[in-house]
Amino acid sequence: MKKKDVFVSTIKGLITGIVSWVNNMSIASMILSVSSYEHVIDSFSNIRKKNNKDLWYVTIPILLGICFGLLAGYHLISFLLKRFQLQTIILFVGLFVGGIRVLFVKQKLTLNKKNIFVSIMIITLGIVLIVFLKNINLAIKNNFLNSMVLGFITGVSILIPGASAITSNIKNGYTPIIDSLKHISLFKHFIIVIVFIIVCIITLVLLAKVIKVLMNKNKNNTYIALCSCMIISIVLLIIEIKPVAINFVNVFTSILAFLWGYIFAKNVERE
């Protein structure tokens, strides 16, 4: 790995953070689409390794980029979704489709009746679960317990494609965390934020180790399962599209947006 990988990873994280403002957008699907997923898994599963280049050159820059993207991207995404919602969402659909295509080519994935059946089950159960949890009110009165639950959910959403939809649908879930950040100088609120971060990191490390074991056991089926979760993200994004006029301009620009996303995913893998 080279120093330029830090810059490239930061840009990937920045893009991920910006687009995370889109409802039902998946952080893990984005990381998969920009060809950084395995580096992130390796960095967390080998967190205690002294010479952990994946952690310093890829994962930390991506996470920092995501933070900057979240801070900088709200108004941009709000504008795009207000003025060009169809094209914006289709762009991300193209990105995810391109990411799946890259995974199949790069990892030389193969399909059979068994993993196709498992994929259909994952997609169906994933969508049903997210719909069931839609707009659920996370009514946990204890702020410390609330921060632990949210830390766990956030950690899962970073590594499991489609899981970010759960966090975006939880009503008032992140309110205690946001309030604590506003008053972080107070000891109580500082501890709430620290608990959230620690639980999130522990979840990332443990989940990464599980995924790494699954990859070592059967990389083909593990990646196909991850691609199935990406399809959940695609379905959820398409559901978000509001009715628009079907005319030449909308159709043509949507096709262009899809191709731009697809080509971006195809070319970013070379970086």
Foldseek 3Di string as FASTA:
>chain_A
DDQVLLVLQLVLLLVLLQCLLQALAFLQLSCLLLPLQLLLLQCLQPVVDPPNCSVVRHVVSSPVSNVNNNVPRNVVVVVCCVPPVLLVLLLVLLSSVLSLVCCCVVVVADDDPVLVVVLVVLLVVLLVVLVVLALAEPPDPDLLVLLLVLLLLLLCRNNAASSSNNVSRHPPSCVLLVVLVVVVVDPVSVVSVVSNPVSNSVNNNVVSNVLVVVCVVPVNSSVSNSSSSSVSSSVVSVVPDDDDDDDDVSVVSSVVSSVNSSVSSNPSNVD
